[in-house]
Amino acid sequence: MLFEDTYYSISNPCEGLYKDKGSKFIGYAFPVSSEEEIKTHLAALRREHHSARHHCFAYRLGADKLTYRVNDDGEPSSTAGKPILGQIQSKDLTDILIVVVRYFGGTLLGVSGLINAYKQAAADTIAQAVIIEKILKEKFEIKFDYLQMNQVMKIIKDENLEIQLQNFELSCSLIFAVRRNNADRVYELFKKINNLDIKNKF
């Protein structure tokens, strides 16, 4: 059975904007792969917009999309982080952080007004992004003799495998990446070569 081995993210940081009754909602989106990266971006935006009243955000990490967090940063509960996350989910994105910085314009927007503002700011930010499809890959290491070189290289060429490291000195070893849905089939192809050792590299 084939599993989903692709996911969507953004290729580059981008900005969006929404205004309502004098309040400015500036959106920032970043491609991220760890919570450390997220902390760095948040700290930088807090320095850049130190006079802003709120820095609300949502993020989602991982191809499985199971790691996520929302933060209302002082806005009424669920009026900021959740609408931002909702936009991330509506585009089926992951490995993304969206921060919406609010400059208060003096007029209260109410709960529904805030939800709409953060939603629209996040939507405009995503609209500026380049959305890319990423492919999940598995890595394998193979060890083999020089005599098996032609067989090995034929499989690599035929299957369009991505060589990441190779060493052809005393004995031959090679690390390659393969699309997850093709991993089992490629593994079996290499197992048919006598005296070749193959193991998964996580």
N, C-alpha and C. Protein backbone atom coordinates (compact mmCIF):
# COMPACT_ATOMS: atom_id res chain seq x y z
N MET A 1 0.84 -1.19 0.00
CA MET A 1 0.00 0.00 0.00
C MET A 1 0.88 1.25 0.00
N LEU A 2 0.53 2.22 -0.84
CA LEU A 2 1.30 3.45 -0.90
C LEU A 2 0.77 4.44 0.13
N PHE A 3 1.70 5.10 0.82
CA PHE A 3 1.34 6.12 1.79
C PHE A 3 1.64 7.49 1.17
N GLU A 4 1.05 8.51 1.74
CA GLU A 4 1.32 9.87 1.27
C GLU A 4 2.79 10.19 1.54
N ASP A 5 3.56 10.45 0.50
CA ASP A 5 4.98 10.75 0.73
C ASP A 5 5.36 12.14 0.21
N THR A 6 4.34 13.00 0.08
CA THR A 6 4.61 14.40 -0.26
C THR A 6 3.89 15.30 0.74
N TYR A 7 4.40 16.51 0.88
CA TYR A 7 3.72 17.50 1.71
C TYR A 7 4.03 18.89 1.16
N TYR A 8 3.30 19.89 1.62
CA TYR A 8 3.43 21.25 1.08
C TYR A 8 3.96 22.21 2.14
N SER A 9 4.85 23.08 1.70
CA SER A 9 5.38 24.13 2.57
C SER A 9 5.57 25.38 1.72
N ILE A 10 6.29 26.36 2.28
CA ILE A 10 6.59 27.56 1.49
C ILE A 10 8.09 27.63 1.26
N SER A 11 8.49 28.27 0.18
CA SER A 11 9.91 28.25 -0.19
C SER A 11 10.69 29.43 0.39
N ASN A 12 9.98 30.49 0.77
CA ASN A 12 10.71 31.70 1.17
C ASN A 12 9.87 32.51 2.16
N PRO A 13 10.53 33.34 2.99
CA PRO A 13 9.78 34.22 3.88
C PRO A 13 8.98 35.24 3.07
N CYS A 14 7.83 35.66 3.61
CA CYS A 14 7.03 36.65 2.91
C CYS A 14 6.19 37.43 3.91
N GLU A 15 5.59 38.51 3.43
CA GLU A 15 4.81 39.40 4.30
C GLU A 15 3.43 39.65 3.72
N GLY A 16 2.48 39.91 4.61
CA GLY A 16 1.13 40.29 4.20
C GLY A 16 0.63 41.41 5.11
N LEU A 17 -0.55 41.96 4.80
CA LEU A 17 -1.06 43.09 5.58
C LEU A 17 -2.58 43.11 5.54
N TYR A 18 -3.17 43.47 6.69
CA TYR A 18 -4.61 43.70 6.77
C TYR A 18 -4.83 44.89 7.70
N LYS A 19 -5.75 45.77 7.32
CA LYS A 19 -6.05 46.95 8.14
C LYS A 19 -7.54 46.98 8.46
N ASP A 20 -7.86 47.39 9.70
CA ASP A 20 -9.26 47.52 10.09
C ASP A 20 -9.37 48.56 11.20
N LYS A 21 -10.16 49.60 10.96
CA LYS A 21 -10.44 50.65 11.95
C LYS A 21 -9.16 51.19 12.60
N GLY A 22 -8.17 51.44 11.78
CA GLY A 22 -6.93 52.03 12.28
C GLY A 22 -5.90 51.04 12.77
N SER A 23 -6.31 49.81 13.06
CA SER A 23 -5.35 48.78 13.48
C SER A 23 -4.66 48.18 12.25
N LYS A 24 -3.37 47.96 12.39
CA LYS A 24 -2.60 47.32 11.32
C LYS A 24 -2.20 45.92 11.77
N PHE A 25 -2.43 44.95 10.91
CA PHE A 25 -2.06 43.55 11.17
C PHE A 25 -1.04 43.15 10.11
N ILE A 26 0.22 43.08 10.51
CA ILE A 26 1.29 42.76 9.56
C ILE A 26 1.64 41.28 9.71
N GLY A 27 1.50 40.54 8.63
CA GLY A 27 1.76 39.10 8.66
C GLY A 27 3.14 38.75 8.15
N TYR A 28 3.76 37.80 8.81
CA TYR A 28 5.06 37.28 8.38
C TYR A 28 4.98 35.76 8.34
N ALA A 29 5.42 35.18 7.24
CA ALA A 29 5.47 33.71 7.14
C ALA A 29 6.92 33.29 6.90
N PHE A 30 7.31 32.21 7.56
CA PHE A 30 8.68 31.69 7.42
C PHE A 30 8.63 30.18 7.21
N PRO A 31 9.47 29.65 6.30
CA PRO A 31 9.64 28.20 6.26
C PRO A 31 10.53 27.80 7.43
N VAL A 32 10.10 26.85 8.23
CA VAL A 32 10.86 26.43 9.42
C VAL A 32 10.86 24.91 9.52
N SER A 33 11.86 24.39 10.23
CA SER A 33 11.92 22.94 10.42
C SER A 33 12.12 22.55 11.88
N SER A 34 12.23 23.54 12.77
CA SER A 34 12.44 23.22 14.19
C SER A 34 11.90 24.34 15.08
N GLU A 35 11.66 24.00 16.35
CA GLU A 35 11.18 25.00 17.29
C GLU A 35 12.26 26.03 17.62
N GLU A 36 13.53 25.64 17.47
CA GLU A 36 14.62 26.60 17.67
C GLU A 36 14.56 27.71 16.62
N GLU A 37 14.34 27.33 15.37
CA GLU A 37 14.20 28.33 14.30
C GLU A 37 13.03 29.27 14.60
N ILE A 38 11.93 28.70 15.08
CA ILE A 38 10.75 29.49 15.38
C ILE A 38 11.06 30.53 16.45
N LYS A 39 11.76 30.12 17.52
CA LYS A 39 12.13 31.05 18.60
C LYS A 39 12.99 32.20 18.06
N THR A 40 13.90 31.88 17.14
CA THR A 40 14.78 32.90 16.55
C THR A 40 13.96 33.93 15.77
N HIS A 41 13.02 33.47 14.96
CA HIS A 41 12.18 34.39 14.17
C HIS A 41 11.31 35.26 15.09
N LEU A 42 10.73 34.64 16.13
CA LEU A 42 9.87 35.40 17.05
C LEU A 42 10.66 36.48 17.77
N ALA A 43 11.87 36.13 18.22
CA ALA A 43 12.71 37.10 18.92
C ALA A 43 13.08 38.27 18.01
N ALA A 44 13.39 37.95 16.76
CA ALA A 44 13.77 39.01 15.80
C ALA A 44 12.60 39.95 15.54
N LEU A 45 11.39 39.39 15.40
CA LEU A 45 10.22 40.24 15.15
C LEU A 45 9.87 41.09 16.37
N ARG A 46 10.08 40.54 17.56
CA ARG A 46 9.80 41.32 18.78
C ARG A 46 10.76 42.50 18.89
N ARG A 47 12.01 42.28 18.44
CA ARG A 47 12.97 43.40 18.44
C ARG A 47 12.58 44.44 17.38
N GLU A 48 12.21 43.95 16.20
CA GLU A 48 11.88 44.86 15.10
C GLU A 48 10.60 45.65 15.39
N HIS A 49 9.62 45.00 15.99
CA HIS A 49 8.33 45.64 16.27
C HIS A 49 8.12 45.73 17.79
N HIS A 50 9.08 46.31 18.48
CA HIS A 50 9.02 46.34 19.95
C HIS A 50 7.87 47.20 20.47
N SER A 51 7.35 48.11 19.64
CA SER A 51 6.26 48.98 20.10
C SER A 51 4.88 48.41 19.75
N ALA A 52 4.84 47.30 19.04
CA ALA A 52 3.54 46.69 18.69
C ALA A 52 2.92 46.07 19.93
N ARG A 53 1.59 46.06 19.96
CA ARG A 53 0.88 45.56 21.14
C ARG A 53 0.85 44.03 21.21
N HIS A 54 0.74 43.39 20.06
CA HIS A 54 0.61 41.92 20.06
C HIS A 54 1.46 41.30 18.96
N HIS A 55 2.05 40.14 19.28
CA HIS A 55 2.76 39.31 18.29
C HIS A 55 2.14 37.92 18.36
N CYS A 56 1.07 37.71 17.62
CA CYS A 56 0.33 36.44 17.68
C CYS A 56 0.85 35.51 16.59
N PHE A 57 0.83 34.20 16.88
CA PHE A 57 1.40 33.29 15.88
C PHE A 57 0.79 31.91 15.93
N ALA A 58 1.07 31.16 14.88
CA ALA A 58 0.75 29.73 14.82
C ALA A 58 1.82 29.08 13.96
N TYR A 59 2.11 27.83 14.29
CA TYR A 59 3.04 27.08 13.44
C TYR A 59 2.62 25.63 13.37
N ARG A 60 3.11 24.97 12.33
CA ARG A 60 2.92 23.52 12.19
C ARG A 60 4.21 22.94 11.64
N LEU A 61 4.64 21.83 12.21
CA LEU A 61 5.92 21.21 11.84
C LEU A 61 5.74 19.74 11.48
N GLY A 62 6.61 19.27 10.59
CA GLY A 62 6.69 17.84 10.29
C GLY A 62 5.78 17.42 9.16
N ALA A 63 6.24 16.42 8.42
CA ALA A 63 5.45 15.90 7.30
C ALA A 63 4.14 15.28 7.79
N ASP A 64 4.14 14.79 9.05
CA ASP A 64 2.91 14.20 9.60
C ASP A 64 1.94 15.27 10.12
N LYS A 65 2.42 16.53 10.20
CA LYS A 65 1.61 17.69 10.59
C LYS A 65 1.07 17.59 12.02
N LEU A 66 1.71 16.79 12.86
CA LEU A 66 1.19 16.57 14.21
C LEU A 66 1.69 17.58 15.24
N THR A 67 2.77 18.29 14.91
CA THR A 67 3.33 19.27 15.85
C THR A 67 2.86 20.66 15.47
N TYR A 68 2.07 21.27 16.34
CA TYR A 68 1.60 22.62 16.06
C TYR A 68 1.34 23.37 17.37
N ARG A 69 1.27 24.69 17.26
CA ARG A 69 1.02 25.51 18.44
C ARG A 69 0.38 26.82 18.01
N VAL A 70 -0.47 27.37 18.86
CA VAL A 70 -1.05 28.69 18.61
C VAL A 70 -0.79 29.57 19.83
N ASN A 71 -0.69 30.88 19.61
CA ASN A 71 -0.45 31.82 20.70
C ASN A 71 -1.21 33.11 20.41
N ASP A 72 -2.06 33.52 21.37
CA ASP A 72 -2.86 34.73 21.20
C ASP A 72 -2.15 35.99 21.71
N ASP A 73 -1.05 35.82 22.42
CA ASP A 73 -0.22 36.93 22.91
C ASP A 73 -1.04 38.10 23.47
N GLY A 74 -1.96 37.78 24.37
CA GLY A 74 -2.70 38.85 25.05
C GLY A 74 -4.03 39.21 24.42
N GLU A 75 -4.30 38.76 23.20
CA GLU A 75 -5.61 38.97 22.60
C GLU A 75 -6.61 38.02 23.29
N PRO A 76 -7.92 38.31 23.22
CA PRO A 76 -8.89 37.38 23.82
C PRO A 76 -8.68 35.95 23.29
N SER A 77 -8.91 34.98 24.15
CA SER A 77 -8.62 33.58 23.83
C SER A 77 -9.26 33.15 22.51
N SER A 78 -8.43 32.51 21.68
CA SER A 78 -8.85 31.90 20.40
C SER A 78 -9.20 32.91 19.30
N THR A 79 -8.87 34.19 19.51
CA THR A 79 -9.20 35.18 18.46
C THR A 79 -8.05 35.41 17.49
N ALA A 80 -6.86 34.89 17.80
CA ALA A 80 -5.70 35.21 16.95
C ALA A 80 -4.98 33.95 16.46
N GLY A 81 -4.42 33.18 17.40
CA GLY A 81 -3.64 32.01 17.02
C GLY A 81 -4.44 30.99 16.22
N LYS A 82 -5.67 30.72 16.67
CA LYS A 82 -6.50 29.71 15.98
C LYS A 82 -6.86 30.13 14.56
N PRO A 83 -7.29 31.38 14.32
CA PRO A 83 -7.55 31.78 12.93
C PRO A 83 -6.31 31.71 12.05
N ILE A 84 -5.14 32.01 12.61
CA ILE A 84 -3.90 31.91 11.83
C ILE A 84 -3.64 30.44 11.47
N LEU A 85 -3.77 29.55 12.47
CA LEU A 85 -3.58 28.12 12.21
C LEU A 85 -4.60 27.61 11.20
N GLY A 86 -5.81 28.14 11.27
CA GLY A 86 -6.85 27.74 10.33
C GLY A 86 -6.46 27.98 8.89
N GLN A 87 -5.76 29.09 8.64
CA GLN A 87 -5.30 29.39 7.29
C GLN A 87 -4.18 28.44 6.85
N ILE A 88 -3.30 28.09 7.79
CA ILE A 88 -2.24 27.11 7.50
C ILE A 88 -2.88 25.77 7.12
N GLN A 89 -3.89 25.37 7.91
CA GLN A 89 -4.56 24.09 7.65
C GLN A 89 -5.35 24.12 6.34
N SER A 90 -5.96 25.27 6.02
CA SER A 90 -6.79 25.34 4.81
C SER A 90 -5.96 25.16 3.55
N LYS A 91 -4.68 25.53 3.62
CA LYS A 91 -3.78 25.35 2.48
C LYS A 91 -2.95 24.07 2.60
N ASP A 92 -3.22 23.30 3.67
CA ASP A 92 -2.54 22.02 3.92
C ASP A 92 -1.02 22.19 3.99
N LEU A 93 -0.57 23.25 4.69
CA LEU A 93 0.86 23.54 4.78
C LEU A 93 1.45 23.00 6.07
N THR A 94 2.75 22.73 6.04
CA THR A 94 3.48 22.38 7.26
C THR A 94 4.90 22.94 7.14
N ASP A 95 5.68 22.78 8.22
CA ASP A 95 7.00 23.41 8.29
C ASP A 95 6.89 24.90 8.00
N ILE A 96 5.92 25.53 8.68
CA ILE A 96 5.65 26.95 8.46
C ILE A 96 5.30 27.63 9.78
N LEU A 97 5.78 28.85 9.92
CA LEU A 97 5.44 29.74 11.04
C LEU A 97 4.80 30.99 10.45
N ILE A 98 3.65 31.38 11.00
CA ILE A 98 3.05 32.67 10.63
C ILE A 98 2.88 33.50 11.89
N VAL A 99 3.44 34.69 11.85
CA VAL A 99 3.32 35.65 12.95
C VAL A 99 2.54 36.84 12.43
N VAL A 100 1.54 37.30 13.20
CA VAL A 100 0.82 38.53 12.84
C VAL A 100 1.08 39.55 13.94
N VAL A 101 1.71 40.64 13.55
CA VAL A 101 2.05 41.73 14.47
C VAL A 101 0.94 42.77 14.39
N ARG A 102 0.35 43.13 15.55
CA ARG A 102 -0.74 44.09 15.54
C ARG A 102 -0.32 45.42 16.16
N TYR A 103 -0.58 46.47 15.41
CA TYR A 103 -0.47 47.83 15.94
C TYR A 103 -1.89 48.33 16.17
N PHE A 104 -2.22 48.62 17.44
CA PHE A 104 -3.59 48.99 17.81
C PHE A 104 -3.92 50.39 17.30
N GLY A 105 -5.11 50.51 16.68
CA GLY A 105 -5.50 51.80 16.10
C GLY A 105 -6.43 52.62 16.95
N GLY A 106 -6.72 52.14 18.17
CA GLY A 106 -7.55 52.94 19.08
C GLY A 106 -9.01 52.51 19.14
N THR A 107 -9.45 51.71 18.18
CA THR A 107 -10.85 51.25 18.17
C THR A 107 -10.88 49.75 18.40
N LEU A 108 -11.66 49.31 19.39
CA LEU A 108 -11.80 47.88 19.65
C LEU A 108 -12.57 47.21 18.51
N LEU A 109 -12.11 46.05 18.11
CA LEU A 109 -12.73 45.36 16.98
C LEU A 109 -13.74 44.31 17.41
N GLY A 110 -13.74 43.94 18.69
CA GLY A 110 -14.63 42.88 19.14
C GLY A 110 -14.09 41.51 18.74
N VAL A 111 -14.66 40.47 19.32
CA VAL A 111 -14.17 39.11 19.10
C VAL A 111 -14.24 38.72 17.63
N SER A 112 -15.41 38.92 16.99
CA SER A 112 -15.54 38.51 15.58
C SER A 112 -14.64 39.34 14.68
N GLY A 113 -14.46 40.62 15.01
CA GLY A 113 -13.58 41.49 14.23
C GLY A 113 -12.13 41.05 14.32
N LEU A 114 -11.72 40.65 15.53
CA LEU A 114 -10.34 40.17 15.71
C LEU A 114 -10.11 38.87 14.95
N ILE A 115 -11.04 37.94 15.08
CA ILE A 115 -10.91 36.65 14.38
C ILE A 115 -10.76 36.88 12.89
N ASN A 116 -11.60 37.76 12.35
CA ASN A 116 -11.54 38.06 10.91
C ASN A 116 -10.21 38.73 10.54
N ALA A 117 -9.76 39.66 11.37
CA ALA A 117 -8.52 40.39 11.06
C ALA A 117 -7.32 39.46 11.03
N TYR A 118 -7.19 38.59 12.02
CA TYR A 118 -6.04 37.67 12.05
C TYR A 118 -6.14 36.64 10.92
N LYS A 119 -7.35 36.23 10.63
CA LYS A 119 -7.56 35.29 9.51
C LYS A 119 -7.14 35.95 8.20
N GLN A 120 -7.61 37.17 7.96
CA GLN A 120 -7.32 37.86 6.70
C GLN A 120 -5.83 38.19 6.57
N ALA A 121 -5.20 38.58 7.67
CA ALA A 121 -3.76 38.89 7.64
C ALA A 121 -2.96 37.63 7.29
N ALA A 122 -3.35 36.49 7.90
CA ALA A 122 -2.66 35.23 7.60
C ALA A 122 -2.90 34.81 6.15
N ALA A 123 -4.14 34.98 5.69
CA ALA A 123 -4.48 34.59 4.31
C ALA A 123 -3.69 35.44 3.30
N ASP A 124 -3.58 36.74 3.57
CA ASP A 124 -2.84 37.61 2.65
C ASP A 124 -1.36 37.25 2.64
N THR A 125 -0.85 36.89 3.81
CA THR A 125 0.57 36.51 3.90
C THR A 125 0.84 35.24 3.08
N ILE A 126 -0.02 34.23 3.24
CA ILE A 126 0.15 32.98 2.47
C ILE A 126 0.01 33.25 0.98
N ALA A 127 -0.86 34.21 0.63
CA ALA A 127 -1.07 34.52 -0.80
C ALA A 127 0.21 35.08 -1.45
N GLN A 128 1.09 35.64 -0.64
CA GLN A 128 2.36 36.18 -1.17
C GLN A 128 3.44 35.10 -1.28
N ALA A 129 3.18 33.94 -0.70
CA ALA A 129 4.21 32.89 -0.62
C ALA A 129 4.26 32.03 -1.88
N VAL A 130 5.41 31.43 -2.10
CA VAL A 130 5.55 30.41 -3.13
C VAL A 130 5.38 29.06 -2.44
N ILE A 131 4.30 28.37 -2.77
CA ILE A 131 4.02 27.06 -2.14
C ILE A 131 4.71 25.97 -2.94
N ILE A 132 5.45 25.13 -2.23
CA ILE A 132 6.21 24.07 -2.89
C ILE A 132 5.82 22.70 -2.36
N GLU A 133 5.94 21.71 -3.23
CA GLU A 133 5.70 20.33 -2.83
C GLU A 133 7.03 19.69 -2.46
N LYS A 134 7.08 19.08 -1.29
CA LYS A 134 8.30 18.39 -0.86
C LYS A 134 8.04 16.89 -0.82
N ILE A 135 9.08 16.14 -1.13
CA ILE A 135 8.95 14.68 -1.18
C ILE A 135 9.69 14.07 -0.01
N LEU A 136 9.01 13.17 0.70
CA LEU A 136 9.65 12.44 1.80
C LEU A 136 10.58 11.38 1.21
N LYS A 137 11.79 11.33 1.74
CA LYS A 137 12.76 10.36 1.23
C LYS A 137 13.33 9.52 2.36
N GLU A 138 13.79 8.34 1.99
CA GLU A 138 14.51 7.49 2.94
C GLU A 138 15.95 7.36 2.47
N LYS A 139 16.85 7.21 3.45
CA LYS A 139 18.27 7.07 3.12
C LYS A 139 18.72 5.64 3.37
N PHE A 140 19.59 5.15 2.48
CA PHE A 140 20.19 3.83 2.65
C PHE A 140 21.69 3.93 2.45
N GLU A 141 22.39 3.05 3.15
CA GLU A 141 23.83 2.91 2.91
C GLU A 141 24.08 1.53 2.32
N ILE A 142 24.86 1.47 1.24
CA ILE A 142 25.22 0.16 0.68
C ILE A 142 26.74 0.02 0.67
N LYS A 143 27.18 -1.21 0.90
CA LYS A 143 28.61 -1.55 0.84
C LYS A 143 28.76 -2.72 -0.12
N PHE A 144 29.74 -2.61 -1.01
CA PHE A 144 29.86 -3.63 -2.06
C PHE A 144 31.29 -3.67 -2.59
N ASP A 145 31.58 -4.70 -3.41
CA ASP A 145 32.90 -4.85 -4.02
C ASP A 145 32.94 -4.13 -5.37
N TYR A 146 34.16 -3.85 -5.82
CA TYR A 146 34.34 -3.22 -7.12
C TYR A 146 33.67 -4.01 -8.24
N LEU A 147 33.68 -5.34 -8.11
CA LEU A 147 33.10 -6.18 -9.16
C LEU A 147 31.60 -5.94 -9.33
N GLN A 148 30.97 -5.40 -8.29
CA GLN A 148 29.52 -5.17 -8.35
C GLN A 148 29.17 -3.74 -8.79
N MET A 149 30.20 -2.96 -9.09
CA MET A 149 30.00 -1.54 -9.39
C MET A 149 28.98 -1.31 -10.51
N ASN A 150 29.11 -2.06 -11.62
CA ASN A 150 28.22 -1.85 -12.76
C ASN A 150 26.76 -2.11 -12.40
N GLN A 151 26.54 -3.20 -11.64
CA GLN A 151 25.17 -3.52 -11.23
C GLN A 151 24.58 -2.41 -10.34
N VAL A 152 25.41 -1.96 -9.41
CA VAL A 152 24.96 -0.92 -8.47
C VAL A 152 24.64 0.37 -9.23
N MET A 153 25.56 0.80 -10.08
CA MET A 153 25.36 2.08 -10.78
C MET A 153 24.19 2.02 -11.76
N LYS A 154 23.91 0.83 -12.28
CA LYS A 154 22.76 0.68 -13.19
C LYS A 154 21.45 0.94 -12.43
N ILE A 155 21.34 0.37 -11.23
CA ILE A 155 20.13 0.59 -10.42
C ILE A 155 20.00 2.08 -10.07
N ILE A 156 21.11 2.68 -9.68
CA ILE A 156 21.09 4.10 -9.30
C ILE A 156 20.62 4.96 -10.46
N LYS A 157 21.13 4.64 -11.66
CA LYS A 157 20.73 5.41 -12.85
C LYS A 157 19.28 5.13 -13.23
N ASP A 158 18.92 3.85 -13.28
CA ASP A 158 17.56 3.47 -13.69
C ASP A 158 16.49 4.05 -12.74
N GLU A 159 16.82 4.08 -11.46
CA GLU A 159 15.85 4.52 -10.45
C GLU A 159 15.99 6.00 -10.11
N ASN A 160 16.96 6.65 -10.77
CA ASN A 160 17.18 8.08 -10.55
C ASN A 160 17.39 8.40 -9.06
N LEU A 161 18.26 7.63 -8.42
CA LEU A 161 18.52 7.79 -6.99
C LEU A 161 19.48 8.95 -6.74
N GLU A 162 19.31 9.56 -5.60
CA GLU A 162 20.12 10.74 -5.23
C GLU A 162 21.31 10.29 -4.38
N ILE A 163 22.50 10.33 -4.95
CA ILE A 163 23.70 9.94 -4.20
C ILE A 163 24.09 11.09 -3.27
N GLN A 164 24.24 10.79 -1.98
CA GLN A 164 24.58 11.83 -1.01
C GLN A 164 26.02 11.73 -0.52
N LEU A 165 26.57 10.53 -0.57
CA LEU A 165 27.96 10.33 -0.14
C LEU A 165 28.49 9.07 -0.80
N GLN A 166 29.72 9.12 -1.29
CA GLN A 166 30.28 7.91 -1.88
C GLN A 166 31.77 7.80 -1.56
N ASN A 167 32.21 6.57 -1.42
CA ASN A 167 33.61 6.30 -1.11
C ASN A 167 34.03 5.06 -1.88
N PHE A 168 34.95 5.26 -2.82
CA PHE A 168 35.40 4.16 -3.66
C PHE A 168 36.89 3.91 -3.46
N GLU A 169 37.32 3.85 -2.22
CA GLU A 169 38.76 3.63 -1.94
C GLU A 169 39.04 2.14 -1.78
N LEU A 170 39.29 1.68 -0.56
CA LEU A 170 39.62 0.26 -0.38
C LEU A 170 38.44 -0.65 -0.71
N SER A 171 37.28 -0.27 -0.20
CA SER A 171 36.05 -0.96 -0.60
C SER A 171 35.05 0.13 -0.97
N CYS A 172 33.94 -0.27 -1.52
CA CYS A 172 32.99 0.73 -2.01
C CYS A 172 31.82 0.89 -1.03
N SER A 173 31.50 2.13 -0.76
CA SER A 173 30.30 2.41 0.03
C SER A 173 29.62 3.65 -0.53
N LEU A 174 28.31 3.70 -0.30
CA LEU A 174 27.55 4.76 -0.93
C LEU A 174 26.28 4.99 -0.12
N ILE A 175 25.92 6.25 0.09
CA ILE A 175 24.65 6.59 0.75
C ILE A 175 23.77 7.28 -0.29
N PHE A 176 22.54 6.80 -0.40
CA PHE A 176 21.62 7.40 -1.36
C PHE A 176 20.27 7.65 -0.72
N ALA A 177 19.51 8.55 -1.34
CA ALA A 177 18.15 8.85 -0.89
C ALA A 177 17.18 8.42 -1.99
N VAL A 178 16.03 7.92 -1.54
CA VAL A 178 15.01 7.45 -2.47
C VAL A 178 13.64 7.88 -1.96
N ARG A 179 12.77 8.22 -2.87
CA ARG A 179 11.40 8.58 -2.49
C ARG A 179 10.78 7.45 -1.66
N ARG A 180 10.09 7.83 -0.56
CA ARG A 180 9.61 6.82 0.39
C ARG A 180 8.76 5.74 -0.26
N ASN A 181 7.90 6.11 -1.19
CA ASN A 181 7.02 5.11 -1.81
C ASN A 181 7.77 4.13 -2.71
N ASN A 182 9.01 4.48 -3.07
CA ASN A 182 9.82 3.57 -3.89
C ASN A 182 10.86 2.80 -3.08
N ALA A 183 10.94 3.10 -1.78
CA ALA A 183 12.04 2.58 -0.96
C ALA A 183 12.07 1.05 -0.90
N ASP A 184 10.93 0.42 -0.67
CA ASP A 184 10.90 -1.04 -0.54
C ASP A 184 11.35 -1.72 -1.83
N ARG A 185 10.86 -1.19 -2.95
CA ARG A 185 11.21 -1.80 -4.24
C ARG A 185 12.70 -1.66 -4.53
N VAL A 186 13.26 -0.49 -4.27
CA VAL A 186 14.69 -0.27 -4.51
C VAL A 186 15.53 -1.13 -3.57
N TYR A 187 15.08 -1.24 -2.33
CA TYR A 187 15.77 -2.10 -1.36
C TYR A 187 15.87 -3.53 -1.90
N GLU A 188 14.77 -4.04 -2.41
CA GLU A 188 14.75 -5.42 -2.93
C GLU A 188 15.66 -5.58 -4.15
N LEU A 189 15.76 -4.56 -4.98
CA LEU A 189 16.66 -4.61 -6.14
C LEU A 189 18.11 -4.79 -5.69
N PHE A 190 18.50 -4.03 -4.68
CA PHE A 190 19.88 -4.14 -4.18
C PHE A 190 20.12 -5.46 -3.45
N LYS A 191 19.10 -5.97 -2.78
CA LYS A 191 19.25 -7.24 -2.04
C LYS A 191 19.55 -8.41 -2.98
N LYS A 192 19.17 -8.25 -4.25
CA LYS A 192 19.42 -9.34 -5.22
C LYS A 192 20.88 -9.43 -5.64
N ILE A 193 21.66 -8.40 -5.33
CA ILE A 193 23.09 -8.42 -5.68
C ILE A 193 23.85 -9.18 -4.59
N ASN A 194 24.55 -10.24 -5.00
CA ASN A 194 25.28 -11.08 -4.04
C ASN A 194 26.32 -10.26 -3.27
N ASN A 195 26.41 -10.55 -1.97
CA ASN A 195 27.43 -9.97 -1.09
C ASN A 195 27.34 -8.44 -0.95
N LEU A 196 26.23 -7.87 -1.35
CA LEU A 196 26.04 -6.43 -1.12
C LEU A 196 25.31 -6.24 0.20
N ASP A 197 25.79 -5.31 1.00
CA ASP A 197 25.18 -5.04 2.30
C ASP A 197 24.40 -3.72 2.20
N ILE A 198 23.13 -3.74 2.60
CA ILE A 198 22.32 -2.52 2.56
C ILE A 198 21.62 -2.34 3.90
N LYS A 199 21.64 -1.09 4.39
CA LYS A 199 20.92 -0.81 5.63
C LYS A 199 20.32 0.58 5.59
N ASN A 200 19.22 0.73 6.32
CA ASN A 200 18.51 2.00 6.38
C ASN A 200 19.28 3.00 7.24
N LYS A 201 19.39 4.25 6.78
CA LYS A 201 20.07 5.31 7.53
C LYS A 201 19.01 6.33 7.95
N PHE A 202 18.74 6.41 9.26
CA PHE A 202 17.71 7.35 9.72
C PHE A 202 18.34 8.67 10.12
